């Protein structure tokens, strides 16, 4: 239970800390998905699965994001060093 509470707290910090929650939610938050993903991982300060990132994006008003699209973006960002791939399907901020 404590693990789930910690994960929930990290996701909440990621969404609010990234400043994405205050964006308009008329279907999608403006801006590039890749930048939103980097901001979420930077703010989370913990490892996140693809599903965690998708959930954080949806909480930020980007309800149209899919697992496949986010997975491709995470791989792209990891290849370019903007985020870190911890292991298969698990990513973290490159700065932390």
Protein backbone atom coordinates (compact mmCIF):
# COMPACT_ATOMS: atom_id res chain seq x y z
CA UNK A 1 0.00 0.00 0.00
CA UNK A 2 2.83 2.40 0.83
CA UNK A 3 4.32 1.80 -2.62
CA UNK A 4 1.06 2.75 -4.31
CA UNK A 5 0.78 5.87 -2.18
CA UNK A 6 4.34 6.86 -3.08
CA UNK A 7 3.65 6.31 -6.79
CA UNK A 8 0.45 8.38 -6.56
CA UNK A 9 2.34 11.17 -4.80
CA UNK A 10 5.05 11.10 -7.49
CA UNK A 11 2.48 11.31 -10.26
CA UNK A 12 0.71 14.17 -8.51
CA UNK A 13 4.01 16.04 -8.12
CA UNK A 14 4.86 15.35 -11.76
CA UNK A 15 1.61 16.76 -13.05
CA UNK A 16 1.51 19.81 -10.79
CA UNK A 17 5.26 20.40 -10.84
CA UNK A 18 5.44 20.32 -14.62
CA UNK A 19 2.91 23.13 -14.79
CA UNK A 20 0.82 21.09 -17.15
CA UNK A 21 -2.31 21.02 -15.02
CA UNK A 22 -2.94 24.73 -15.47
CA UNK A 23 -3.02 24.46 -19.24
CA UNK A 24 -6.38 24.49 -20.99
CA UNK A 25 -7.90 21.05 -21.25
CA UNK A 26 -9.96 21.55 -24.41
CA UNK A 27 -9.02 18.09 -25.64
CA UNK A 28 -5.27 18.55 -25.40
CA UNK A 29 -2.69 20.66 -23.64
CA UNK A 30 -0.78 22.75 -26.17
CA UNK A 31 2.84 22.06 -26.92
CA UNK A 32 4.88 19.10 -28.01
CA UNK A 33 4.19 15.73 -26.40
CA UNK A 34 7.93 15.10 -26.08
CA UNK A 35 8.40 18.27 -24.02
CA UNK A 36 5.47 17.30 -21.79
CA UNK A 37 6.98 13.84 -21.25
CA UNK A 38 10.38 15.29 -20.28
CA UNK A 39 8.69 17.73 -17.87
CA UNK A 40 6.69 14.93 -16.25
CA UNK A 41 9.76 12.73 -15.74
CA UNK A 42 11.83 15.66 -14.44
CA UNK A 43 9.13 16.62 -11.94
CA UNK A 44 8.45 13.04 -10.83
CA UNK A 45 11.96 12.41 -9.59
CA UNK A 46 11.33 8.67 -9.82
CA UNK A 47 11.22 5.89 -12.38
CA UNK A 48 7.99 5.70 -14.36
CA UNK A 49 6.52 3.04 -16.61
CA UNK A 50 4.96 3.90 -19.95
CA UNK A 51 1.52 3.51 -18.36
CA UNK A 52 2.51 5.94 -15.58
CA UNK A 53 3.57 8.53 -18.16
CA UNK A 54 0.35 8.04 -20.15
CA UNK A 55 -1.69 8.50 -16.96
CA UNK A 56 0.19 11.69 -16.06
CA UNK A 57 -0.32 13.08 -19.56
CA UNK A 58 -4.04 12.32 -19.37
CA UNK A 59 -4.27 14.02 -15.97
CA UNK A 60 -2.62 17.03 -17.60
CA UNK A 61 -5.40 17.29 -20.16
CA UNK A 62 -3.85 15.25 -22.94
CA UNK A 63 -6.54 12.56 -22.94
CA UNK A 64 -5.87 11.51 -26.51
CA UNK A 65 -2.37 10.14 -25.83
CA UNK A 66 -1.94 6.42 -26.40
CA UNK A 67 0.45 3.83 -25.00
CA UNK A 68 2.00 3.27 -28.44
CA UNK A 69 2.60 6.96 -29.17
CA UNK A 70 4.08 7.63 -25.75
CA UNK A 71 6.26 4.49 -25.96
CA UNK A 72 7.71 5.64 -29.29
CA UNK A 73 8.37 9.12 -27.90
CA UNK A 74 10.07 7.68 -24.80
CA UNK A 75 12.38 5.57 -26.98
CA UNK A 76 13.15 8.63 -29.15
CA UNK A 77 13.90 10.78 -26.11
CA UNK A 78 16.10 8.09 -24.55
CA UNK A 79 18.12 7.71 -27.77
CA UNK A 80 18.81 11.43 -27.73
CA UNK A 81 19.74 11.53 -24.06
CA UNK A 82 16.85 13.76 -22.96
CA UNK A 83 15.61 11.01 -20.59
CA UNK A 84 17.11 7.79 -19.23
CA UNK A 85 15.91 4.30 -20.04
CA UNK A 86 16.29 2.39 -16.77
CA UNK A 87 15.15 -0.94 -18.19
CA UNK A 88 12.58 -2.15 -20.68
CA UNK A 89 9.46 0.00 -20.35
CA UNK A 90 10.80 2.02 -17.41
CA UNK A 91 12.14 5.57 -17.81
CA UNK A 92 13.46 8.36 -15.60
CA UNK A 93 14.71 11.90 -15.84
CA UNK A 94 18.16 12.25 -17.38
CA UNK A 95 19.01 14.92 -14.81
CA UNK A 96 18.27 12.77 -11.79
